[in-house]
Protein backbone atom coordinates (compact mmCIF):
# COMPACT_ATOMS: atom_id res chain seq x y z
CA MET A 1 7.83 -4.64 14.72
CA SER A 2 9.02 -1.42 16.29
CA LEU A 3 6.36 0.73 17.90
CA ARG A 4 8.41 3.80 16.94
CA ASN A 5 7.81 3.31 13.22
CA LYS A 6 4.34 1.90 12.65
CA ALA A 7 1.66 2.69 10.10
CA THR A 8 -1.91 1.37 10.07
CA LEU A 9 -3.95 1.91 6.91
CA ILE A 10 -7.37 0.84 5.65
CA GLY A 11 -8.18 1.42 2.01
CA ARG A 12 -8.76 -0.05 -1.42
CA THR A 13 -6.13 -1.45 -3.75
CA GLY A 14 -5.62 0.53 -6.93
CA LYS A 15 -4.24 -2.21 -9.16
CA GLU A 16 -3.48 -5.91 -9.29
CA VAL A 17 -0.63 -7.16 -7.11
CA GLU A 18 2.77 -7.11 -8.83
CA VAL A 19 5.07 -10.00 -7.85
CA VAL A 20 8.85 -9.94 -8.13
CA LYS A 21 10.49 -13.35 -7.80
CA PHE A 22 14.04 -13.98 -6.59
CA GLU A 23 16.11 -17.15 -6.22
CA ASN A 24 15.37 -17.25 -2.50
CA GLY A 25 11.78 -15.97 -2.45
CA GLN A 26 9.57 -13.18 -3.68
CA LEU A 27 8.03 -9.87 -2.80
CA ALA A 28 4.67 -8.41 -3.79
CA LYS A 29 3.74 -4.77 -4.38
CA VAL A 30 0.41 -2.98 -4.67
CA SER A 31 -0.89 0.58 -4.30
CA LEU A 32 -3.47 1.42 -1.64
CA ALA A 33 -5.84 4.41 -1.68
CA THR A 34 -7.02 5.91 1.60
CA THR A 35 -9.70 8.58 1.44
CA ASP A 36 -10.64 11.23 4.00
CA HIS A 37 -13.82 13.31 3.89
CA TYR A 38 -14.20 16.67 5.60
CA THR A 39 -15.97 20.01 5.32
CA ASN A 40 -13.76 23.04 4.67
CA ALA A 41 -14.19 26.55 6.08
CA ASN A 42 -16.59 27.44 3.21
CA GLY A 43 -18.89 24.53 4.06
CA GLU A 44 -17.84 22.54 1.00
CA LYS A 45 -17.54 18.78 1.35
CA ILE A 46 -14.02 17.70 0.40
CA GLU A 47 -12.78 14.23 -0.49
CA GLU A 48 -9.02 13.78 -0.28
CA THR A 49 -7.32 10.58 -1.46
CA GLN A 50 -3.75 9.57 -0.62
CA TRP A 51 -1.91 6.74 -2.41
CA HIS A 52 0.47 4.44 -0.54
CA ASN A 53 2.98 1.93 -1.91
CA LEU A 54 2.70 -1.40 -0.06
CA VAL A 55 5.41 -4.08 -0.11
CA PHE A 56 4.85 -7.63 1.18
CA HIS A 57 7.74 -10.03 1.88
CA GLY A 58 7.98 -13.79 2.42
CA LYS A 59 4.82 -15.78 3.11
CA LEU A 60 2.77 -12.58 3.26
CA SER A 61 3.74 -11.85 -0.36
CA GLU A 62 2.36 -15.25 -1.39
CA ILE A 63 -0.91 -14.53 0.46
CA ALA A 64 -1.19 -11.10 -1.18
CA GLU A 65 -0.49 -12.59 -4.61
CA LYS A 66 -3.21 -15.22 -4.17
CA TYR A 67 -5.97 -13.25 -2.42
CA VAL A 68 -5.57 -9.48 -2.96
CA LYS A 69 -7.22 -8.14 -6.12
CA LYS A 70 -7.73 -4.67 -7.60
CA GLY A 71 -10.45 -2.79 -5.71
CA ASP A 72 -10.29 -4.97 -2.59
CA GLU A 73 -10.64 -3.25 0.77
CA ILE A 74 -7.77 -4.25 3.04
CA ALA A 75 -6.23 -3.20 6.33
CA VAL A 76 -2.46 -3.29 6.74
CA GLU A 77 0.03 -2.59 9.46
CA GLY A 78 3.70 -2.09 8.79
CA LYS A 79 6.82 0.02 8.85
CA ILE A 80 7.35 3.22 6.85
CA VAL A 81 10.45 2.93 4.66
CA TYR A 82 12.04 5.78 2.68
CA LYS A 83 14.18 4.94 -0.37
CA SER A 84 16.02 6.87 -3.04
CA TYR A 85 17.46 5.89 -6.40
CA ASP A 86 18.87 7.54 -9.52
CA ASP A 87 16.65 7.27 -12.60
CA LYS A 88 17.96 6.62 -16.12
CA ASP A 89 18.75 10.34 -16.52
CA GLY A 90 20.73 10.45 -13.29
CA VAL A 91 18.02 12.36 -11.39
CA LYS A 92 17.61 11.30 -7.77
CA ARG A 93 14.09 9.99 -7.09
CA TYR A 94 12.48 9.32 -3.72
CA ILE A 95 9.83 6.78 -2.78
CA THR A 96 7.99 6.00 0.42
CA GLU A 97 6.79 2.44 1.04
CA ILE A 98 4.93 0.61 3.75
CA ARG A 99 6.69 -2.70 4.49
CA VAL A 100 3.62 -4.71 5.51
CA ASP A 101 3.77 -6.98 8.58
CA GLU A 102 0.03 -7.66 8.93
CA LEU A 103 -2.77 -7.96 6.38
CA VAL A 104 -6.53 -8.22 6.96
CA MET A 105 -9.04 -8.66 4.15
CA VAL A 106 -11.77 -6.18 5.17
CA GLY A 107 -14.20 -6.54 2.31
CA GLY A 108 -14.57 -7.62 -1.29
CA ASN A 109 -14.44 -5.56 -4.43
CA LYS A 110 -16.01 -2.11 -4.48
CA PRO A 111 -19.68 -2.29 -5.45
CA ALA A 112 -20.41 -1.32 -9.06
């Protein structure tokens, strides 16, 4: 993996893993929430959540499919990938994904 394009994230999955199968393999997708906490200039405590689109390829997609569940806390490392496509109305849409190279299961489901 290139050190010039590297993202490291720790967060909780927002949904179940979605698997897309092809003739020669599969990929897996899941959203990941990362949350920062800080105090603003007025002394108010702020919680800010960002959502990230994760994509797993090859053997890693099989591992994600089998072990990653909604609400799991995971750590990932990967490459930031920018894509664009035209939607059904011909409007250009943009998406940012993290192409995951490493996955660590940090903890189980979020406590109830």
